[in-house]
Protein backbone atom coordinates (compact mmCIF):
# COMPACT_ATOMS: atom_id res chain seq x y z
CA MET A 1 76.74 101.51 92.08
CA SER A 2 77.02 98.87 94.79
CA ARG A 3 77.56 99.82 98.40
CA ARG A 4 81.03 98.25 98.40
CA VAL A 5 82.12 100.18 95.33
CA PHE A 6 80.66 103.40 96.77
CA ALA A 7 82.39 102.79 100.12
CA ALA A 8 85.70 102.14 98.33
CA PHE A 9 85.24 105.32 96.32
CA VAL A 10 84.54 107.37 99.44
CA GLY A 11 87.52 105.79 101.22
CA ILE A 12 89.90 106.57 98.37
CA ALA A 13 88.58 110.11 98.10
CA THR A 14 88.99 110.65 101.85
CA LEU A 15 92.56 109.31 101.82
CA SER A 16 93.39 111.49 98.81
CA LEU A 17 92.00 114.55 100.56
CA ALA A 18 93.94 113.74 103.76
CA GLU A 19 97.13 113.23 101.76
CA GLY A 20 96.63 116.55 99.99
CA LEU A 21 96.13 118.36 103.28
CA ALA A 22 99.17 116.64 104.80
CA ARG A 23 101.34 117.81 101.91
CA LEU A 24 100.44 121.40 102.74
CA LEU A 25 101.91 121.02 106.23
CA PRO A 26 105.64 121.44 106.95
CA PRO A 27 107.58 118.20 107.48
CA PRO A 28 107.08 116.69 110.94
CA SER A 29 109.95 117.80 113.16
CA ALA A 30 111.18 116.97 116.62
CA ALA A 31 110.80 120.67 117.36
CA ALA A 32 107.08 120.05 117.85
CA GLY A 33 106.95 119.52 121.59
CA ALA A 34 110.28 117.70 121.75
CA TRP A 35 113.63 119.25 122.59
CA ARG A 36 116.01 121.80 121.19
CA GLN A 37 119.68 122.41 121.77
CA GLN A 38 121.95 125.28 120.87
CA ASP A 39 125.66 124.79 120.30
CA ALA A 40 127.64 125.76 123.39
CA ALA A 41 129.32 128.71 121.63
CA PRO A 42 127.51 132.08 121.47
CA GLU A 43 125.14 132.17 118.51
CA GLY A 44 125.87 128.49 117.91
CA ILE A 45 124.07 126.11 115.60
CA LEU A 46 120.43 125.53 116.59
CA LEU A 47 119.44 121.86 116.37
CA ASP A 48 116.34 119.78 117.04
CA GLY A 49 116.56 116.25 118.40
CA SER A 50 115.21 113.59 116.05
CA PRO A 51 114.86 109.82 116.41
CA TRP A 52 115.02 109.70 112.60
CA PHE A 53 118.34 111.48 112.18
CA LEU A 54 119.54 111.85 115.82
CA TRP A 55 119.50 115.63 115.20
CA GLU A 56 118.38 118.03 112.49
CA LEU A 57 118.50 121.72 111.69
CA SER A 58 115.85 123.92 113.25
CA PRO A 59 113.81 125.86 110.63
CA GLY A 60 113.96 129.64 110.71
CA THR A 61 116.52 132.42 110.47
CA HIS A 62 119.26 132.27 113.11
CA ARG A 63 122.53 133.96 114.00
CA GLU A 64 125.41 131.50 113.94
CA PHE A 65 128.92 132.64 114.79
CA GLY A 66 128.22 136.17 113.64
CA VAL A 67 126.45 135.36 110.36
CA SER A 68 122.80 134.99 109.38
CA VAL A 69 121.67 131.47 108.51
CA SER A 70 118.35 130.54 106.86
CA ILE A 71 116.88 127.06 107.35
CA ASN A 72 113.82 126.25 105.25
CA SER A 73 110.75 124.21 106.25
CA VAL A 74 112.36 121.00 104.93
CA GLY A 75 115.16 121.49 107.47
CA LEU A 76 117.83 122.37 104.89
CA ARG A 77 119.93 125.49 104.56
CA GLY A 78 118.71 127.99 102.00
CA PRO A 79 115.42 129.19 100.50
CA GLU A 80 112.27 127.11 100.13
CA PRO A 81 112.79 124.68 97.24
CA GLY A 82 109.33 125.15 95.72
CA GLU A 83 108.11 123.27 92.67
CA LYS A 84 110.77 121.88 90.36
CA SER A 85 111.03 123.89 87.12
CA ARG A 86 114.63 123.27 85.99
CA PRO A 87 117.52 120.90 86.77
CA ARG A 88 118.32 120.41 90.44
CA VAL A 89 121.66 119.88 92.14
CA MET A 90 121.84 118.72 95.75
CA ALA A 91 124.92 118.73 97.98
CA VAL A 92 125.18 116.42 101.00
CA GLY A 93 127.73 116.18 103.78
CA ASP A 94 128.45 117.72 107.16
CA SER A 95 129.34 121.23 108.34
CA SER A 96 131.91 121.93 105.59
CA ILE A 97 129.18 121.41 102.97
CA TYR A 98 126.58 123.19 105.14
CA GLY A 99 128.80 126.26 105.29
CA PHE A 100 129.78 126.55 108.94
CA GLY A 101 130.67 130.16 109.80
CA VAL A 102 129.80 131.75 106.44
CA ALA A 103 126.70 133.66 105.35
CA ASP A 104 123.98 132.18 103.16
CA SER A 105 125.20 133.96 100.03
CA GLU A 106 128.82 132.88 100.59
CA VAL A 107 128.27 129.10 100.75
CA PHE A 108 129.53 127.37 97.61
CA THR A 109 126.06 125.98 96.81
CA ALA A 110 124.68 129.53 96.62
CA ARG A 111 127.32 130.36 94.00
CA LEU A 112 126.49 127.46 91.65
CA GLY A 113 122.90 128.18 90.62
CA ALA A 114 123.46 131.06 88.20
CA PRO A 115 126.34 129.56 86.17
CA LEU A 116 124.63 126.13 86.02
CA GLN A 117 121.16 127.59 85.37
CA ALA A 118 119.91 125.10 87.94
CA ASP A 119 118.41 125.09 91.41
CA VAL A 120 121.03 124.09 93.98
CA ILE A 121 119.90 122.64 97.31
CA ASN A 122 122.24 122.47 100.29
CA ALA A 123 121.43 119.28 102.22
CA GLY A 124 124.60 119.37 104.31
CA VAL A 125 123.96 119.19 108.06
CA PRO A 126 126.60 119.80 110.75
CA GLY A 127 127.89 116.53 112.14
CA TYR A 128 126.09 114.27 109.66
CA SER A 129 127.62 110.94 108.75
CA THR A 130 126.76 108.89 105.67
CA PHE A 131 124.22 106.93 107.74
CA GLN A 132 122.37 110.11 108.68
CA THR A 133 122.62 111.46 105.14
CA LEU A 134 121.10 108.28 103.72
CA ASN A 135 118.23 108.61 106.17
CA LEU A 136 117.78 112.25 105.18
CA LEU A 137 117.75 111.34 101.49
CA ASP A 138 115.15 108.62 102.00
CA ALA A 139 113.00 110.69 104.34
CA ARG A 140 112.92 114.07 102.63
CA ALA A 141 115.66 115.06 100.25
CA LEU A 142 115.03 112.65 97.36
CA ALA A 143 111.43 113.87 97.27
CA LEU A 144 112.90 117.17 96.00
CA GLU A 145 113.93 115.30 92.82
CA PRO A 146 117.65 116.09 92.52
CA ASP A 147 119.21 115.34 89.12
CA LEU A 148 122.77 115.52 90.43
CA LEU A 149 124.07 114.73 93.91
CA LEU A 150 127.32 116.27 95.18
CA ILE A 151 128.60 113.84 97.84
CA GLY A 152 130.89 115.51 100.36
CA ASN A 153 130.57 113.21 103.39
CA LEU A 154 133.99 112.66 104.94
CA TRP A 155 134.90 114.29 108.25
CA SER A 156 132.08 113.04 110.49
CA ASP A 157 132.37 109.46 109.24
CA ASN A 158 136.09 109.07 109.90
CA SER A 159 136.15 110.90 113.23
CA PHE A 160 136.92 109.06 116.47
CA ASP A 161 134.22 109.77 119.02
CA THR A 162 132.35 108.38 122.01
CA PHE A 163 129.60 106.79 119.90
CA VAL A 164 129.17 104.71 116.76
CA ASP A 165 126.41 105.79 114.38
CA ARG A 166 125.30 102.28 113.47
CA ASP A 167 124.56 101.44 117.10
CA LEU A 168 122.61 104.63 117.80
CA LEU A 169 120.59 104.58 114.61
CA ALA A 170 119.70 100.92 115.02
CA ALA A 171 118.33 101.68 118.47
CA TYR A 172 116.53 104.96 117.86
CA THR A 173 115.34 105.22 114.27
CA GLY A 174 112.95 103.48 111.93
CA TRP A 175 114.98 104.14 108.80
CA THR A 176 117.89 102.57 106.95
CA LEU A 177 118.97 100.10 109.62
CA SER A 178 115.48 98.77 110.32
CA PRO A 179 114.49 95.35 108.90
CA THR A 180 111.27 96.95 107.63
CA GLN A 181 113.04 99.80 105.82
CA ARG A 182 112.05 98.62 102.33
CA VAL A 183 108.35 98.71 103.17
CA ARG A 184 108.70 101.96 105.06
CA SER A 185 110.60 103.61 102.20
CA VAL A 186 107.46 103.18 100.09
CA LEU A 187 105.09 104.36 102.81
CA GLU A 188 107.28 107.35 103.62
CA ARG A 189 106.41 108.87 100.24
CA SER A 190 103.05 109.67 101.78
CA SER A 191 102.94 112.87 103.82
CA GLY A 192 99.94 111.47 105.67
CA PHE A 193 101.91 108.40 106.73
CA ARG A 194 104.81 110.56 107.93
CA TRP A 195 102.47 112.58 110.13
CA LEU A 196 100.77 109.45 111.46
CA ASP A 197 104.16 107.86 112.14
CA TRP A 198 105.28 111.04 113.89
CA GLY A 199 102.29 111.04 116.22
CA LEU A 200 102.23 107.32 117.03
CA ARG A 201 105.92 106.39 117.09
CA VAL A 202 108.45 109.18 116.85
CA ARG A 203 107.09 111.94 119.06
CA GLY A 204 107.30 109.89 122.24
CA HIS A 205 111.00 109.11 121.66
CA ALA A 206 112.17 112.66 120.96
CA VAL A 207 113.29 113.37 124.52
CA GLU A 208 115.04 110.00 124.65
CA ALA A 209 117.03 110.94 121.55
CA THR A 210 118.53 113.95 123.30
CA ARG A 211 120.67 111.61 125.40
CA VAL A 212 122.17 109.80 122.43
CA GLY A 213 122.19 112.30 119.62
CA TRP A 214 124.22 115.45 119.23
CA THR A 215 125.14 115.65 122.91
CA VAL A 216 126.62 112.19 123.31
CA GLY A 217 129.94 113.21 121.80
CA ARG A 218 130.29 116.23 124.08
CA GLY A 219 132.86 115.27 126.66
CA GLY A 220 134.27 111.92 127.66
CA ASP A 221 137.10 109.98 126.09
CA PRO A 222 136.81 108.71 122.52
CA MET A 223 136.29 104.96 122.47
CA GLY A 224 138.91 104.29 119.80
CA LYS A 225 136.30 103.62 117.11
CA ARG A 226 135.27 105.64 114.10
CA ARG A 227 131.74 106.95 114.02
CA VAL A 228 131.30 104.99 110.79
CA GLY A 229 133.56 102.03 110.10
CA ILE A 230 135.39 102.05 106.80
CA GLU A 231 133.38 99.12 105.37
CA ASP A 232 130.11 100.83 106.27
CA TYR A 233 131.41 104.08 104.79
CA ALA A 234 132.15 102.35 101.47
CA ALA A 235 128.74 100.66 101.44
CA ASN A 236 126.96 103.93 102.24
CA LEU A 237 128.70 105.78 99.40
CA ASP A 238 127.60 103.02 97.02
CA ALA A 239 124.04 103.29 98.37
CA MET A 240 123.96 107.04 97.66
CA VAL A 241 125.06 106.46 94.08
CA GLU A 242 122.44 103.75 93.65
CA ARG A 243 119.71 106.07 94.96
CA LEU A 244 120.44 108.60 92.21
CA ARG A 245 121.12 106.08 89.45
CA ASP A 246 117.80 104.33 90.11
CA ARG A 247 116.06 107.69 89.62
CA GLY A 248 117.90 108.53 86.41
CA GLY A 249 120.27 110.97 88.13
CA SER A 250 124.00 111.08 88.66
CA VAL A 251 126.62 111.95 91.27
CA VAL A 252 129.85 113.86 91.71
CA PHE A 253 132.13 113.23 94.68
CA VAL A 254 133.58 116.22 96.53
CA LEU A 255 136.91 115.42 98.16
CA LEU A 256 137.11 118.04 100.90
CA ALA A 257 140.26 119.79 102.13
CA ASN A 258 141.68 120.91 105.46
CA ARG A 259 144.73 122.79 106.70
CA GLU A 260 146.98 119.73 106.65
CA ASP A 261 146.61 119.56 102.87
CA ILE A 262 148.31 122.94 102.65
CA LEU A 263 150.80 122.50 105.49
CA HIS A 264 151.61 118.80 104.83
CA GLY A 265 152.12 118.23 108.52
CA GLU A 266 151.25 114.52 108.71
CA PRO A 267 152.66 111.77 106.47
CA LEU A 268 149.50 109.66 106.77
CA PRO A 269 146.52 111.57 108.21
CA ALA A 270 143.85 109.47 109.89
CA TRP A 271 141.31 110.55 107.28
CA GLU A 272 143.37 109.40 104.29
CA PRO A 273 141.94 105.82 104.20
CA TYR A 274 138.45 107.33 103.89
CA ARG A 275 139.58 109.64 101.12
CA SER A 276 140.95 106.59 99.32
CA VAL A 277 137.55 104.90 99.65
CA MET A 278 135.85 107.95 98.13
CA ARG A 279 138.31 108.12 95.23
CA GLU A 280 137.96 104.40 94.52
CA THR A 281 134.16 104.50 94.78
CA ALA A 282 134.07 107.34 92.24
CA ALA A 283 136.37 105.42 89.91
CA ARG A 284 134.28 102.22 90.16
CA TRP A 285 131.13 104.10 89.12
CA GLY A 286 132.83 106.38 86.59
CA ALA A 287 131.76 109.44 88.61
CA PRO A 288 133.80 112.68 88.57
CA THR A 289 135.67 113.80 91.68
CA VAL A 290 136.17 117.41 92.73
CA ASP A 291 139.73 117.53 94.09
CA VAL A 292 139.37 120.38 96.59
CA PRO A 293 142.85 119.93 98.17
CA ALA A 294 144.46 120.35 94.74
CA ALA A 295 142.35 123.44 94.03
CA PHE A 296 143.29 125.01 97.36
CA VAL A 297 146.98 124.30 96.92
CA ALA A 298 146.89 125.66 93.35
CA SER A 299 145.37 128.92 94.62
CA GLY A 300 148.59 129.79 96.40
CA LEU A 301 146.60 131.31 99.27
CA ASP A 302 147.58 131.05 102.92
CA VAL A 303 145.70 128.59 105.11
CA ASP A 304 144.25 131.46 107.17
CA ALA A 305 142.63 132.83 104.02
CA LEU A 306 141.21 129.42 103.06
CA PHE A 307 139.93 128.12 106.40
CA LEU A 308 138.14 129.42 109.47
CA ASP A 309 139.67 126.66 111.59
CA LEU A 310 141.10 123.19 110.94
CA MET A 311 138.73 122.20 108.15
CA HIS A 312 135.83 124.62 107.63
CA PRO A 313 136.33 126.71 104.47
CA SER A 314 136.16 130.48 104.73
CA ALA A 315 134.10 132.56 102.30
CA VAL A 316 137.19 132.58 100.04
CA GLY A 317 137.47 128.82 100.42
CA HIS A 318 133.82 128.39 99.45
CA GLN A 319 134.39 130.52 96.36
CA LEU A 320 137.29 128.27 95.31
CA LEU A 321 135.16 125.21 96.09
CA ALA A 322 132.39 126.51 93.82
CA GLU A 323 134.90 127.14 91.03
CA ALA A 324 136.34 123.64 91.43
CA VAL A 325 132.84 122.09 91.22
CA LEU A 326 132.01 124.09 88.07
CA SER A 327 135.31 123.09 86.47
CA THR A 328 134.67 119.40 87.25
CA LEU A 329 131.10 119.46 85.93
CA GLY A 330 132.33 120.71 82.55
CA GLY A 331 129.06 121.96 81.11
CA TRP A 332 126.50 119.89 83.02
CA PRO A 333 123.52 119.60 82.50
CA GLN A 334 124.06 120.05 78.76
CA THR A 335 126.84 117.46 79.04
CA PRO A 336 125.34 114.57 81.07
CA ILE A 337 127.33 112.53 83.58
CA VAL A 338 126.72 108.88 82.79
CA LEU A 339 127.37 106.31 85.49
CA ARG A 340 128.54 102.84 84.59
CA ALA A 341 127.90 99.48 86.19
CA PRO A 342 130.43 99.35 89.02
CA SER A 343 133.06 96.73 89.60
CA PRO A 344 132.70 94.75 92.87
CA ARG A 345 133.39 96.76 96.00
CA PRO A 346 136.77 95.87 97.55
CA VAL A 347 137.20 94.74 101.13
CA TYR A 348 138.64 97.65 103.10
CA SER A 349 140.69 97.69 106.28
CA ASP A 350 141.49 100.62 108.55
CA PRO A 351 145.16 100.89 109.64
CA PHE A 352 144.15 103.28 112.43
CA ILE A 353 141.88 100.79 114.17
CA GLN A 354 143.65 98.31 116.42
CA ARG A 355 142.13 94.88 115.97
CA GLU A 356 141.59 92.80 119.06
CA ALA A 357 143.64 89.60 119.17
CA PRO A 358 141.47 86.50 118.71
CA SER A 359 140.73 84.65 121.94
CA LYS A 360 142.44 81.30 122.41
């Protein structure tokens, strides 16, 4: 064996060993020597700053608003995912999907596993927009090999706030909005690369992220812009579908509810254009939609029984949400959900955003 061949063999073996050791370590997190913030309320949500996602859930068992919450080493709510041995369902979205204010066993995702005979992973994170969810999918969640993705992103995207996700993520992350994302998306499959990237690039920016992440929306006047513009929202929903389709999986859209759906207090709520985008995206791909507002109305229950506040489902609401998901799936995984080639994405406009008059 020549020296070059032997050196190449040793190099490959060393890299393989390093990769194997890196896979045994928990995912790199901004908690390691960075910063941590607790929601202002007593027993609030515990979050770590992250230049990848702006913020992420802090692993461990915590008390949140009077209930026990378990965050695994991947930074997702629920038990450790372990090795895949049967079909996997993953739910993404913000705090309504995460299960704000309800115990681990009461979240709708915890109620789906037994009837589906599948592992169900809750990848909802409080405050996450579709931009952050796409980053989470690319960084960690898709590595868990979901066969079906429940897409529930709605409230954070359409909210008016003091920051715009695209601007913050472009400045502070190395993920979806980076010109080198395609190359990085391949490298990120390596645990060793993620740890090297953490040490050389991310760790030094963790404190900087605290000024632009979760805290930036606390106080101040909203700037009159959505966190995610409606065109970006439509594109991000398409990107999520493409992620699963390219891996042989499928998606179901979860159209979330709030109190106004029961009370009918506003003729055109500000979130309705985003709901329309979700409905139309589902129709273009041939993906099922879970109509949660219809399920809640059909229950005949009072809004105080269904919600903890304006939009977060109660334990009863999560039970109805689980039943609505099971009804929509109609026998999955035995009955597959087959996506079709989508029609072109329409051009969307937002009637709630005032356009500036062109300069003369």
